Amino acid sequence: MLEVHQFPCLSDNYGYLLHDPESQETICIDTPDADEYLRQAAGKGWQITQVWNTHWHPDHAGGNAAIKAATNCRITAPAGDADRIEAVDRTVGQGDIVTIGDRQALVLDVGGHTNGHVAYHLRGSVMAFVGDALFALGCGRMFEGQPDQFWASLKRLKALPGETMIYCAHEYTASNARFALHADPDNADLQAYAEEVARLRDKGLPTVPTKLERELKANPFLRADDPQLQARWGHPGDPVATFAALRSAKDGF
């Protein structure tokens, strides 16, 4: 079984170390804080061997050079963002395969937050590391992409098995829940989810990872193809326009 070590870093990021006990490989999923990643790996007795970057933003790739200098690890980054990422050894895109030990992860194009953004889906282990493309009850701000591109990316994530655990990169869920309730106020699944989020955050507990099947019922950005949500937002039959309206509204919420 692969092990995931999750820990907070920076102001609201989550760091992830993915470890294979058989091969003793350890992968950094993004590198927001090199010192904290190295400290956490040392605390687990794990040797970092790889980095898998999801996109170029400094709170995701800013620790690459320092971690590579300390460990001589191999860095994989999305081809579309690689010119803005340090110390890259390999670039990947939609359909490529990366490995940890004898386990494979499929690279998914989830551009929209940045144009080159990718996710890593470990099919056998039913987990996906999605960076800022998808959040619990939300999605990333559309800094570089277009609505049709981002909606196509979300559809790739929607198509994963419902039991897939989604490891996103920030603790934004309480804020996302407030907007989601505004966007889709009659959704009973969302209401129950938002109540649970409030309880967890009151205790200082994480809301991540989240199971995809739950997001499919409650996350408005994944439900832009739902006729009732489309009607509420004034775009019957048009998921791209509905997604665009939701994203624009969230930006100003």
Protein backbone atom coordinates (compact mmCIF):
# COMPACT_ATOMS: atom_id res chain seq x y z
CA MET A 1 0.00 0.00 0.00
CA LEU A 2 1.23 3.47 -0.85
CA GLU A 3 1.40 5.83 2.10
CA VAL A 4 0.37 9.50 1.92
CA HIS A 5 1.77 11.88 4.51
CA GLN A 6 -0.21 15.13 4.54
CA PHE A 7 0.89 18.22 6.44
CA PRO A 8 0.12 21.96 6.47
CA CYS A 9 2.64 24.41 5.10
CA LEU A 10 2.79 28.10 4.18
CA SER A 11 -0.46 29.85 5.13
CA ASP A 12 -3.05 27.44 3.77
CA ASN A 13 -1.26 24.87 1.57
CA TYR A 14 -1.15 21.16 2.16
CA GLY A 15 2.08 19.32 1.50
CA TYR A 16 2.02 15.70 0.39
CA LEU A 17 4.70 13.03 0.52
CA LEU A 18 3.79 9.83 -1.33
CA HIS A 19 5.80 6.81 -0.15
CA ASP A 20 6.13 3.28 -1.50
CA PRO A 21 7.29 0.94 1.30
CA GLU A 22 8.44 -1.71 -1.19
CA SER A 23 10.76 0.41 -3.33
CA GLN A 24 11.38 2.99 -0.59
CA GLU A 25 10.69 5.73 -3.12
CA THR A 26 9.21 8.97 -1.80
CA ILE A 27 7.64 11.62 -4.01
CA CYS A 28 6.92 15.25 -3.21
CA ILE A 29 3.63 16.30 -4.72
CA ASP A 30 4.55 19.93 -5.44
CA THR A 31 7.11 21.83 -3.38
CA PRO A 32 5.56 24.88 -1.71
CA ASP A 33 8.06 24.90 1.18
CA ALA A 34 11.37 23.09 0.70
CA ASP A 35 12.43 23.25 4.34
CA GLU A 36 9.16 21.83 5.60
CA TYR A 37 9.18 19.02 3.02
CA LEU A 38 12.72 18.04 3.96
CA ARG A 39 11.84 18.21 7.65
CA GLN A 40 8.73 16.08 7.22
CA ALA A 41 10.54 13.48 5.11
CA ALA A 42 13.34 13.24 7.67
CA GLY A 43 10.78 12.83 10.44
CA LYS A 44 9.29 9.86 8.62
CA GLY A 45 12.70 8.39 7.81
CA TRP A 46 11.95 8.69 4.09
CA GLN A 47 14.38 9.64 1.32
CA ILE A 48 12.87 11.94 -1.32
CA THR A 49 13.50 10.50 -4.78
CA GLN A 50 11.09 12.43 -7.02
CA VAL A 51 8.98 15.58 -7.33
CA TRP A 52 5.74 15.68 -9.31
CA ASN A 53 4.73 19.27 -9.99
CA THR A 54 1.13 20.10 -10.91
CA HIS A 55 1.73 23.67 -12.15
CA TRP A 56 4.18 26.55 -12.09
CA HIS A 57 2.94 28.79 -9.28
CA PRO A 58 5.62 29.41 -6.63
CA ASP A 59 3.50 27.90 -3.85
CA HIS A 60 3.62 24.65 -5.85
CA ALA A 61 7.05 24.60 -7.50
CA GLY A 62 9.06 27.14 -5.53
CA GLY A 63 10.96 24.53 -3.52
CA ASN A 64 12.15 22.45 -6.45
CA ALA A 65 15.75 23.63 -6.62
CA ALA A 66 16.39 23.41 -2.87
CA ILE A 67 14.90 19.93 -2.57
CA LYS A 68 16.84 18.72 -5.59
CA ALA A 69 20.07 20.15 -4.17
CA ALA A 70 19.45 18.33 -0.89
CA THR A 71 18.33 14.98 -2.29
CA ASN A 72 19.35 14.71 -5.98
CA CYS A 73 15.73 13.82 -6.73
CA ARG A 74 14.20 13.70 -10.22
CA ILE A 75 11.66 16.41 -11.04
CA THR A 76 8.67 15.90 -13.31
CA ALA A 77 6.64 18.93 -14.38
CA PRO A 78 3.85 19.74 -16.83
CA ALA A 79 5.13 20.50 -20.32
CA GLY A 80 2.84 23.51 -20.67
CA ASP A 81 4.28 25.21 -17.57
CA ALA A 82 7.83 23.88 -17.62
CA ASP A 83 9.45 27.10 -18.87
CA ARG A 84 8.46 28.71 -15.56
CA ILE A 85 9.55 25.82 -13.30
CA GLU A 86 13.07 25.28 -11.96
CA ALA A 87 15.22 22.16 -12.17
CA VAL A 88 12.93 20.05 -14.37
CA ASP A 89 14.19 16.65 -15.57
CA ARG A 90 11.09 15.43 -17.40
CA THR A 91 8.01 17.09 -18.83
CA VAL A 92 4.63 15.36 -19.11
CA GLY A 93 1.16 15.93 -20.50
CA GLN A 94 -2.20 14.26 -21.03
CA GLY A 95 -1.92 10.47 -21.15
CA ASP A 96 1.67 10.17 -19.99
CA ILE A 97 2.60 7.75 -17.21
CA VAL A 98 4.77 8.41 -14.17
CA THR A 99 5.78 5.74 -11.68
CA ILE A 100 6.56 5.23 -8.02
CA GLY A 101 8.09 1.81 -7.54
CA ASP A 102 5.95 -0.49 -9.65
CA ARG A 103 2.85 1.74 -9.32
CA GLN A 104 1.71 3.86 -12.23
CA ALA A 105 0.01 7.24 -12.25
CA LEU A 106 -1.78 8.64 -15.28
CA VAL A 107 -1.15 12.29 -16.09
CA LEU A 108 -4.31 14.29 -16.78
CA ASP A 109 -4.48 17.66 -18.53
CA VAL A 110 -6.47 19.86 -16.14
CA GLY A 111 -5.54 23.25 -17.61
CA GLY A 112 -7.55 26.32 -16.69
CA HIS A 113 -6.06 27.63 -13.45
CA THR A 114 -2.82 27.69 -15.45
CA ASN A 115 -2.74 26.53 -19.03
CA GLY A 116 -0.30 23.70 -18.34
CA HIS A 117 -1.79 22.40 -15.09
CA VAL A 118 -1.80 18.59 -14.72
CA ALA A 119 -3.11 16.10 -12.18
CA TYR A 120 -1.72 12.68 -11.28
CA HIS A 121 -4.19 9.79 -10.97
CA LEU A 122 -2.92 6.66 -9.23
CA ARG A 123 -5.48 4.27 -10.61
CA GLY A 124 -4.65 1.20 -8.53
CA SER A 125 -4.57 3.20 -5.32
CA VAL A 126 -7.74 5.20 -6.10
CA MET A 127 -6.23 8.62 -5.44
CA ALA A 128 -5.61 11.74 -7.49
CA PHE A 129 -3.38 14.71 -6.73
CA VAL A 130 -5.05 17.66 -8.42
CA GLY A 131 -3.16 20.75 -7.27
CA ASP A 132 -5.38 23.81 -7.69
CA ALA A 133 -7.58 22.45 -10.49
CA LEU A 134 -10.23 21.13 -8.12
CA PHE A 135 -10.91 21.84 -4.46
CA ALA A 136 -13.32 20.44 -1.95
CA LEU A 137 -16.53 22.29 -2.91
CA GLY A 138 -14.64 24.51 -5.34
CA CYS A 139 -12.12 24.85 -8.15
CA GLY A 140 -9.12 27.03 -8.84
CA ARG A 141 -9.37 30.61 -10.02
CA MET A 142 -9.13 30.79 -13.82
CA PHE A 143 -5.92 32.80 -14.09
CA GLU A 144 -4.81 31.72 -17.57
CA GLY A 145 -7.36 29.43 -19.17
CA GLN A 146 -10.75 29.77 -20.82
CA PRO A 147 -14.11 28.45 -19.57
CA ASP A 148 -14.39 25.72 -22.21
CA GLN A 149 -10.85 24.54 -21.42
CA PHE A 150 -11.46 24.48 -17.67
CA TRP A 151 -14.80 22.71 -18.03
CA ALA A 152 -13.15 20.05 -20.23
CA SER A 153 -10.54 19.62 -17.48
CA LEU A 154 -13.20 19.19 -14.81
CA LYS A 155 -14.97 16.63 -17.00
CA ARG A 156 -11.76 14.56 -17.04
CA LEU A 157 -11.79 14.59 -13.25
CA LYS A 158 -15.54 13.89 -13.12
CA ALA A 159 -14.90 10.74 -15.17
CA LEU A 160 -12.62 9.18 -12.54
CA PRO A 161 -14.08 6.43 -10.32
CA GLY A 162 -16.38 7.86 -7.68
CA GLU A 163 -14.35 6.34 -4.85
CA THR A 164 -11.23 8.29 -5.91
CA MET A 165 -9.80 10.36 -3.08
CA ILE A 166 -9.06 13.88 -4.28
CA TYR A 167 -5.96 15.44 -2.74
CA CYS A 168 -6.14 19.16 -3.41
CA ALA A 169 -3.52 21.68 -2.39
CA HIS A 170 -5.27 24.19 -0.12
CA GLU A 171 -7.63 24.35 2.85
CA TYR A 172 -10.24 26.53 1.18
CA THR A 173 -13.29 24.41 1.94
CA ALA A 174 -15.08 26.65 4.45
CA SER A 175 -14.95 29.60 2.06
CA ASN A 176 -15.92 27.37 -0.85
CA ALA A 177 -18.89 26.06 1.12
CA ARG A 178 -20.24 29.57 1.68
CA PHE A 179 -20.22 30.26 -2.05
CA ALA A 180 -21.59 26.82 -2.92
CA LEU A 181 -24.59 27.39 -0.65
CA HIS A 182 -25.17 30.70 -2.41
CA ALA A 183 -24.86 29.07 -5.83
CA ASP A 184 -26.98 25.98 -5.12
CA PRO A 185 -29.07 26.67 -1.98
CA ASP A 186 -31.57 23.82 -2.40
CA ASN A 187 -28.96 21.03 -2.57
CA ALA A 188 -29.46 18.79 0.49
CA ASP A 189 -26.17 16.94 -0.09
CA LEU A 190 -24.35 20.26 -0.10
CA GLN A 191 -26.10 21.44 3.05
CA ALA A 192 -25.04 18.32 4.95
CA TYR A 193 -21.48 18.59 3.61
CA ALA A 194 -21.22 22.26 4.61
CA GLU A 195 -22.33 21.44 8.15
CA GLU A 196 -19.64 18.78 8.41
CA VAL A 197 -17.01 21.20 7.08
CA ALA A 198 -17.96 23.72 9.75
CA ARG A 199 -17.63 21.08 12.48
CA LEU A 200 -14.22 19.97 11.23
CA ARG A 201 -12.84 23.48 10.92
CA ASP A 202 -14.14 24.44 14.36
CA LYS A 203 -11.92 21.64 15.67
CA GLY A 204 -8.97 22.69 13.51
CA LEU A 205 -9.21 19.51 11.45
CA PRO A 206 -8.56 19.21 7.69
CA THR A 207 -11.37 18.80 5.17
CA VAL A 208 -8.98 17.32 2.59
CA PRO A 209 -8.78 14.78 1.01
CA THR A 210 -12.32 14.51 -0.26
CA LYS A 211 -14.04 11.67 -2.10
CA LEU A 212 -14.98 12.41 -5.71
CA GLU A 213 -18.47 10.92 -5.41
CA ARG A 214 -19.26 13.47 -2.70
CA GLU A 215 -17.98 16.34 -4.82
CA LEU A 216 -20.09 15.21 -7.75
CA LYS A 217 -23.21 15.70 -5.63
CA ALA A 218 -22.28 18.94 -3.90
CA ASN A 219 -19.56 20.90 -5.73
CA PRO A 220 -21.30 23.44 -7.99
CA PHE A 221 -18.35 23.67 -10.37
CA LEU A 222 -18.64 19.94 -11.12
CA ARG A 223 -22.40 20.33 -11.55
CA ALA A 224 -22.40 22.90 -14.35
CA ASP A 225 -24.04 20.21 -16.50
CA ASP A 226 -26.97 19.84 -14.07
CA PRO A 227 -30.20 21.23 -15.62
CA GLN A 228 -31.45 22.74 -12.36
CA LEU A 229 -28.19 24.56 -11.72
CA GLN A 230 -28.06 25.70 -15.34
CA ALA A 231 -31.56 27.13 -15.04
CA ARG A 232 -30.75 28.87 -11.77
CA TRP A 233 -27.75 30.56 -13.37
CA GLY A 234 -29.55 31.47 -16.58
CA HIS A 235 -27.86 29.14 -19.07
CA PRO A 236 -30.14 26.16 -19.77
CA GLY A 237 -28.37 23.43 -21.73
CA ASP A 238 -24.98 25.19 -21.64
CA PRO A 239 -22.49 23.79 -19.10
CA VAL A 240 -19.62 25.99 -20.29
CA ALA A 241 -21.61 29.20 -19.82
CA THR A 242 -22.87 27.94 -16.47
CA PHE A 243 -19.34 27.15 -15.34
CA ALA A 244 -18.15 30.56 -16.52
CA ALA A 245 -20.95 32.30 -14.62
CA LEU A 246 -20.18 30.34 -11.44
CA ARG A 247 -16.45 31.04 -11.66
CA SER A 248 -17.01 34.76 -12.28
CA ALA A 249 -19.43 34.95 -9.38
CA LYS A 250 -16.99 33.18 -7.06
CA ASP A 251 -14.23 35.62 -8.03
CA GLY A 252 -16.32 38.48 -6.69
CA PHE A 253 -18.06 36.69 -3.81
